[in-house]
Amino acid sequence: MAKIIKQKIKNQSNVLKILFDNDILDYFCEKVKSGDTTNIEAYVSKQYWGLLFENFKRHADTKHNAALDYGYAIVRGTLAKIKQFSAAPPR
C-alpha cells in the first residue's frame, strides 16, 4: 500500500512541477510508512488540491468538484466492470 501512496504523491508532485515549477511535495514521497500511519496521503492531497485550484474545498458545490465526481464515477464504473469480467468463468 505504501508503494501506491508514494507513486500517487510522485504523480501529484510531477503535475505541480509541470504547471507551477513547484517541487514542494517531493519531500513527502519518502515519508510514507506502511499503512500510512502518519496520514501523509491526506495531508499531501490537501496541499495538492489547494495549490492546483485556489481556495479548493472538496465537498463544495463547484465546477471543479462536479468534474472530479464525474471522473471518479467513470473510474469506479470501469473498475466494477473489470472486477465483474475477471470473476467470470471462461467460455
C-alpha atoms as a PDB file:
ATOM      1  CA  MET A   1       0.000   0.000   0.000  1.00  0.00           C
ATOM      2  CA  ALA A   2       2.836   2.415   0.796  1.00  0.00           C
ATOM      3  CA  LYS A   3       4.177   1.906  -2.727  1.00  0.00           C
ATOM      4  CA  ILE A   4       0.857   3.022  -4.249  1.00  0.00           C
ATOM      5  CA  ILE A   5       0.659   6.080  -1.995  1.00  0.00           C
ATOM      6  CA  LYS A   6       4.269   7.038  -2.777  1.00  0.00           C
ATOM      7  CA  GLN A   7       3.552   6.808  -6.503  1.00  0.00           C
ATOM      8  CA  LYS A   8       0.397   8.898  -6.097  1.00  0.00           C
ATOM      9  CA  ILE A   9       2.413  11.598  -4.324  1.00  0.00           C
ATOM     10  CA  LYS A  10       5.116  11.441  -7.023  1.00  0.00           C
ATOM     11  CA  ASN A  11       2.452  11.860  -9.707  1.00  0.00           C
ATOM     12  CA  GLN A  12       0.902  14.814  -7.885  1.00  0.00           C
ATOM     13  CA  SER A  13       4.349  16.339  -7.463  1.00  0.00           C
ATOM     14  CA  ASN A  14       5.047  15.951 -11.184  1.00  0.00           C
ATOM     15  CA  VAL A  15       1.821  17.787 -12.045  1.00  0.00           C
ATOM     16  CA  LEU A  16       2.783  20.697  -9.787  1.00  0.00           C
ATOM     17  CA  LYS A  17       6.273  20.789 -11.290  1.00  0.00           C
ATOM     18  CA  ILE A  18       4.873  20.977 -14.809  1.00  0.00           C
ATOM     19  CA  LEU A  19       2.203  23.570 -14.056  1.00  0.00           C
ATOM     20  CA  PHE A  20       3.867  25.732 -11.419  1.00  0.00           C
ATOM     21  CA  ASP A  21       7.539  24.727 -11.222  1.00  0.00           C
ATOM     22  CA  ASN A  22       6.772  23.697  -7.634  1.00  0.00           C
ATOM     23  CA  ASP A  23       8.514  20.707  -6.014  1.00  0.00           C
ATOM     24  CA  ILE A  24       7.085  21.073  -2.501  1.00  0.00           C
ATOM     25  CA  LEU A  25       5.562  17.557  -2.473  1.00  0.00           C
ATOM     26  CA  ASP A  26       8.841  15.747  -3.258  1.00  0.00           C
ATOM     27  CA  TYR A  27       9.767  15.911   0.420  1.00  0.00           C
ATOM     28  CA  PHE A  28       6.800  13.732   1.399  1.00  0.00           C
ATOM     29  CA  CYS A  29       7.370  10.819  -1.004  1.00  0.00           C
ATOM     30  CA  GLU A  30       9.829   9.041   1.256  1.00  0.00           C
ATOM     31  CA  LYS A  31       7.974   9.924   4.469  1.00  0.00           C
ATOM     32  CA  VAL A  32       5.126   7.476   3.760  1.00  0.00           C
ATOM     33  CA  LYS A  33       5.172   4.484   6.119  1.00  0.00           C
ATOM     34  CA  SER A  34       3.433   1.141   5.742  1.00  0.00           C
ATOM     35  CA  GLY A  35      -0.280   1.668   6.294  1.00  0.00           C
ATOM     36  CA  ASP A  36       0.260   5.462   6.088  1.00  0.00           C
ATOM     37  CA  THR A  37       0.049   5.640   9.882  1.00  0.00           C
ATOM     38  CA  THR A  38       1.085   9.299   9.835  1.00  0.00           C
ATOM     39  CA  ASN A  39      -1.700  10.173   7.346  1.00  0.00           C
ATOM     40  CA  ILE A  40       0.685  11.778   4.886  1.00  0.00           C
ATOM     41  CA  GLU A  41      -1.530  10.944   1.909  1.00  0.00           C
ATOM     42  CA  ALA A  42      -4.364  13.102   3.286  1.00  0.00           C
ATOM     43  CA  TYR A  43      -2.015  15.973   4.119  1.00  0.00           C
ATOM     44  CA  VAL A  44      -0.383  15.894   0.688  1.00  0.00           C
ATOM     45  CA  SER A  45      -3.761  15.694  -1.057  1.00  0.00           C
ATOM     46  CA  LYS A  46      -4.970  18.783   0.765  1.00  0.00           C
ATOM     47  CA  GLN A  47      -1.799  20.634  -0.240  1.00  0.00           C
ATOM     48  CA  TYR A  48      -2.014  19.408  -3.826  1.00  0.00           C
ATOM     49  CA  TRP A  49      -5.630  20.377  -4.446  1.00  0.00           C
ATOM     50  CA  GLY A  50      -5.134  23.700  -2.676  1.00  0.00           C
ATOM     51  CA  LEU A  51      -2.232  24.531  -4.991  1.00  0.00           C
ATOM     52  CA  LEU A  52      -3.969  23.212  -8.099  1.00  0.00           C
ATOM     53  CA  PHE A  53      -7.265  25.047  -7.506  1.00  0.00           C
ATOM     54  CA  GLU A  54      -7.222  28.229  -5.442  1.00  0.00           C
ATOM     55  CA  ASN A  55      -9.405  28.020  -2.287  1.00  0.00           C
ATOM     56  CA  PHE A  56     -10.328  24.405  -3.083  1.00  0.00           C
ATOM     57  CA  LYS A  57     -12.718  22.607  -0.725  1.00  0.00           C
ATOM     58  CA  ARG A  58     -13.518  19.021  -1.714  1.00  0.00           C
ATOM     59  CA  HIS A  59     -17.242  18.963  -0.956  1.00  0.00           C
ATOM     60  CA  ALA A  60     -18.121  22.498  -2.045  1.00  0.00           C
ATOM     61  CA  ASP A  61     -20.652  22.977  -4.849  1.00  0.00           C
ATOM     62  CA  THR A  62     -18.199  23.976  -7.588  1.00  0.00           C
ATOM     63  CA  LYS A  63     -17.447  23.029 -11.174  1.00  0.00           C
ATOM     64  CA  HIS A  64     -14.119  21.512 -10.047  1.00  0.00           C
ATOM     65  CA  ASN A  65     -15.868  19.125  -7.654  1.00  0.00           C
ATOM     66  CA  ALA A  66     -18.522  18.260 -10.234  1.00  0.00           C
ATOM     67  CA  ALA A  67     -15.784  17.354 -12.718  1.00  0.00           C
ATOM     68  CA  LEU A  68     -13.905  15.306 -10.118  1.00  0.00           C
ATOM     69  CA  ASP A  69     -17.080  13.475  -9.066  1.00  0.00           C
ATOM     70  CA  TYR A  70     -17.823  12.667 -12.703  1.00  0.00           C
ATOM     71  CA  GLY A  71     -14.286  11.383 -13.248  1.00  0.00           C
ATOM     72  CA  TYR A  72     -14.414   9.262 -10.092  1.00  0.00           C
ATOM     73  CA  ALA A  73     -17.747   7.771 -11.225  1.00  0.00           C
ATOM     74  CA  ILE A  74     -16.191   6.751 -14.552  1.00  0.00           C
ATOM     75  CA  VAL A  75     -13.205   5.158 -12.791  1.00  0.00           C
ATOM     76  CA  ARG A  76     -15.468   3.314 -10.308  1.00  0.00           C
ATOM     77  CA  GLY A  77     -17.670   2.021 -13.142  1.00  0.00           C
ATOM     78  CA  THR A  78     -14.662   0.852 -15.113  1.00  0.00           C
ATOM     79  CA  LEU A  79     -13.181  -0.929 -12.093  1.00  0.00           C
ATOM     80  CA  ALA A  80     -16.531  -2.603 -11.370  1.00  0.00           C
ATOM     81  CA  LYS A  81     -16.664  -3.911 -14.948  1.00  0.00           C
ATOM     82  CA  ILE A  82     -13.098  -5.193 -14.756  1.00  0.00           C
ATOM     83  CA  LYS A  83     -13.871  -6.949 -11.493  1.00  0.00           C
ATOM     84  CA  GLN A  84     -17.067  -8.451 -12.888  1.00  0.00           C
ATOM     85  CA  PHE A  85     -15.415  -9.780 -16.026  1.00  0.00           C
ATOM     86  CA  SER A  86     -12.326 -11.052 -14.257  1.00  0.00           C
ATOM     87  CA  ALA A  87     -14.516 -13.168 -11.974  1.00  0.00           C
ATOM     88  CA  ALA A  88     -16.495 -14.675 -14.845  1.00  0.00           C
ATOM     89  CA  PRO A  89     -15.550 -18.234 -15.792  1.00  0.00           C
ATOM     90  CA  PRO A  90     -14.065 -18.662 -19.278  1.00  0.00           C
ATOM     91  CA  ARG A  91     -16.398 -19.855 -22.035  1.00  0.00           C
END
